Amino acid sequence: MRFGRRRIYSFTHNYKHMKSYFDSDNNSNIDTYEYGDDYISVRFKDGSVYTYTYMSAGSGAIEEMKRLADCGDGLNSYISRYKPPYQSKT
């Protein structure tokens, strides 16, 4: 039986580098976001921060979420529609 390596994520930083979400339609619950190679953290207007990772949601979902975040449109709809599993919530 093989056991894969498990990557441990520690998101204890204070999200200093979060970018404002453009929201071209002005109808989103997303306030800010930041991402790295294999994760995206999304802060909603209620103050909650969800971090999605390759491990929790899959690389395809994370890359699509990064693309939508940079476009400033569709990220909130994507999260609402597909409900990708998150790694952590603060």
C-alpha atoms as a PDB file:
ATOM      1  CA  MET A   1       0.000   0.000   0.000  1.00  0.00           C
ATOM      2  CA  ARG A   2       1.436   3.375  -0.987  1.00  0.00           C
ATOM      3  CA  PHE A   3       0.820   6.531   0.913  1.00  0.00           C
ATOM      4  CA  GLY A   4       1.135   9.826  -0.937  1.00  0.00           C
ATOM      5  CA  ARG A   5       2.786  12.827   0.549  1.00  0.00           C
ATOM      6  CA  ARG A   6       0.344  15.132   2.174  1.00  0.00           C
ATOM      7  CA  ARG A   7       1.002  18.820   2.026  1.00  0.00           C
ATOM      8  CA  ILE A   8       0.155  20.711   5.176  1.00  0.00           C
ATOM      9  CA  TYR A   9      -1.192  24.221   4.679  1.00  0.00           C
ATOM     10  CA  SER A  10      -0.848  26.881   7.280  1.00  0.00           C
ATOM     11  CA  PHE A  11      -2.649  30.100   6.443  1.00  0.00           C
ATOM     12  CA  THR A  12      -2.047  32.062   9.603  1.00  0.00           C
ATOM     13  CA  HIS A  13      -0.956  35.214   7.808  1.00  0.00           C
ATOM     14  CA  ASN A  14      -3.081  38.335   7.995  1.00  0.00           C
ATOM     15  CA  TYR A  15      -3.847  38.596   4.282  1.00  0.00           C
ATOM     16  CA  LYS A  16      -1.894  41.838   3.788  1.00  0.00           C
ATOM     17  CA  HIS A  17      -1.520  41.267   0.074  1.00  0.00           C
ATOM     18  CA  MET A  18      -5.143  40.734  -0.842  1.00  0.00           C
ATOM     19  CA  LYS A  19      -6.320  42.504  -3.972  1.00  0.00           C
ATOM     20  CA  SER A  20      -9.687  44.207  -4.271  1.00  0.00           C
ATOM     21  CA  TYR A  21     -12.134  42.239  -6.357  1.00  0.00           C
ATOM     22  CA  PHE A  22     -13.174  44.428  -9.288  1.00  0.00           C
ATOM     23  CA  ASP A  23     -16.750  43.070  -9.638  1.00  0.00           C
ATOM     24  CA  SER A  24     -17.663  44.579 -12.977  1.00  0.00           C
ATOM     25  CA  ASP A  25     -21.388  43.904 -12.403  1.00  0.00           C
ATOM     26  CA  ASN A  26     -21.385  45.257  -8.830  1.00  0.00           C
ATOM     27  CA  ASN A  27     -23.362  42.234  -7.639  1.00  0.00           C
ATOM     28  CA  SER A  28     -20.800  40.104  -5.811  1.00  0.00           C
ATOM     29  CA  ASN A  29     -20.337  39.160  -2.172  1.00  0.00           C
ATOM     30  CA  ILE A  30     -16.561  39.019  -2.703  1.00  0.00           C
ATOM     31  CA  ASP A  31     -14.450  41.819  -1.267  1.00  0.00           C
ATOM     32  CA  THR A  32     -10.794  40.800  -1.795  1.00  0.00           C
ATOM     33  CA  TYR A  33      -8.694  37.819  -2.860  1.00  0.00           C
ATOM     34  CA  GLU A  34      -5.138  36.574  -3.074  1.00  0.00           C
ATOM     35  CA  TYR A  35      -3.559  33.510  -4.565  1.00  0.00           C
ATOM     36  CA  GLY A  36      -0.337  31.575  -4.832  1.00  0.00           C
ATOM     37  CA  ASP A  37       0.837  28.672  -6.939  1.00  0.00           C
ATOM     38  CA  ASP A  38      -1.678  26.175  -5.578  1.00  0.00           C
ATOM     39  CA  TYR A  39      -4.301  28.094  -3.616  1.00  0.00           C
ATOM     40  CA  ILE A  40      -6.687  31.034  -3.633  1.00  0.00           C
ATOM     41  CA  SER A  41      -8.048  32.840  -0.567  1.00  0.00           C
ATOM     42  CA  VAL A  42     -11.276  34.780  -0.944  1.00  0.00           C
ATOM     43  CA  ARG A  43     -12.572  37.312   1.582  1.00  0.00           C
ATOM     44  CA  PHE A  44     -16.296  37.897   1.433  1.00  0.00           C
ATOM     45  CA  LYS A  45     -18.017  41.141   2.401  1.00  0.00           C
ATOM     46  CA  ASP A  46     -19.149  39.555   5.688  1.00  0.00           C
ATOM     47  CA  GLY A  47     -15.451  39.255   6.657  1.00  0.00           C
ATOM     48  CA  SER A  48     -15.125  35.486   6.296  1.00  0.00           C
ATOM     49  CA  VAL A  49     -12.088  34.196   4.406  1.00  0.00           C
ATOM     50  CA  TYR A  50     -12.171  30.874   2.581  1.00  0.00           C
ATOM     51  CA  THR A  51      -8.982  29.276   1.310  1.00  0.00           C
ATOM     52  CA  TYR A  52      -9.285  26.788  -1.531  1.00  0.00           C
ATOM     53  CA  THR A  53      -6.306  24.615  -2.481  1.00  0.00           C
ATOM     54  CA  TYR A  54      -5.323  22.100  -5.122  1.00  0.00           C
ATOM     55  CA  MET A  55      -5.749  19.434  -2.408  1.00  0.00           C
ATOM     56  CA  SER A  56      -9.244  20.526  -1.419  1.00  0.00           C
ATOM     57  CA  ALA A  57     -10.814  21.587  -4.716  1.00  0.00           C
ATOM     58  CA  GLY A  58      -8.485  20.338  -7.457  1.00  0.00           C
ATOM     59  CA  SER A  59      -6.092  22.212  -9.698  1.00  0.00           C
ATOM     60  CA  GLY A  60      -8.651  22.854 -12.445  1.00  0.00           C
ATOM     61  CA  ALA A  61     -11.056  24.570 -10.052  1.00  0.00           C
ATOM     62  CA  ILE A  62      -8.304  26.672  -8.471  1.00  0.00           C
ATOM     63  CA  GLU A  63      -6.929  27.824 -11.819  1.00  0.00           C
ATOM     64  CA  GLU A  64     -10.430  28.760 -13.000  1.00  0.00           C
ATOM     65  CA  MET A  65     -11.070  30.664  -9.764  1.00  0.00           C
ATOM     66  CA  LYS A  66      -7.787  32.584 -10.193  1.00  0.00           C
ATOM     67  CA  ARG A  67      -8.766  33.476 -13.761  1.00  0.00           C
ATOM     68  CA  LEU A  68     -12.201  34.688 -12.708  1.00  0.00           C
ATOM     69  CA  ALA A  69     -10.722  36.683  -9.815  1.00  0.00           C
ATOM     70  CA  ASP A  70      -8.326  38.490 -12.127  1.00  0.00           C
ATOM     71  CA  CYS A  71     -11.151  39.179 -14.605  1.00  0.00           C
ATOM     72  CA  GLY A  72     -13.270  40.711 -11.843  1.00  0.00           C
ATOM     73  CA  ASP A  73     -16.380  38.856 -12.861  1.00  0.00           C
ATOM     74  CA  GLY A  74     -17.889  35.441 -12.218  1.00  0.00           C
ATOM     75  CA  LEU A  75     -15.986  34.236  -9.150  1.00  0.00           C
ATOM     76  CA  ASN A  76     -18.923  34.558  -6.755  1.00  0.00           C
ATOM     77  CA  SER A  77     -21.193  32.763  -9.248  1.00  0.00           C
ATOM     78  CA  TYR A  78     -18.615  30.001  -9.718  1.00  0.00           C
ATOM     79  CA  ILE A  79     -18.320  29.414  -5.966  1.00  0.00           C
ATOM     80  CA  SER A  80     -22.121  29.471  -5.524  1.00  0.00           C
ATOM     81  CA  ARG A  81     -22.742  27.118  -8.428  1.00  0.00           C
ATOM     82  CA  TYR A  82     -19.965  24.529  -7.982  1.00  0.00           C
ATOM     83  CA  LYS A  83     -19.362  24.829  -4.227  1.00  0.00           C
ATOM     84  CA  PRO A  84     -15.687  23.827  -4.399  1.00  0.00           C
ATOM     85  CA  PRO A  85     -14.480  22.270  -1.133  1.00  0.00           C
ATOM     86  CA  TYR A  86     -12.342  24.661   0.900  1.00  0.00           C
ATOM     87  CA  GLN A  87      -9.215  23.934   2.899  1.00  0.00           C
ATOM     88  CA  SER A  88      -9.949  26.442   5.654  1.00  0.00           C
ATOM     89  CA  LYS A  89     -12.384  29.123   6.744  1.00  0.00           C
ATOM     90  CA  THR A  90     -11.595  32.021   9.070  1.00  0.00           C
END
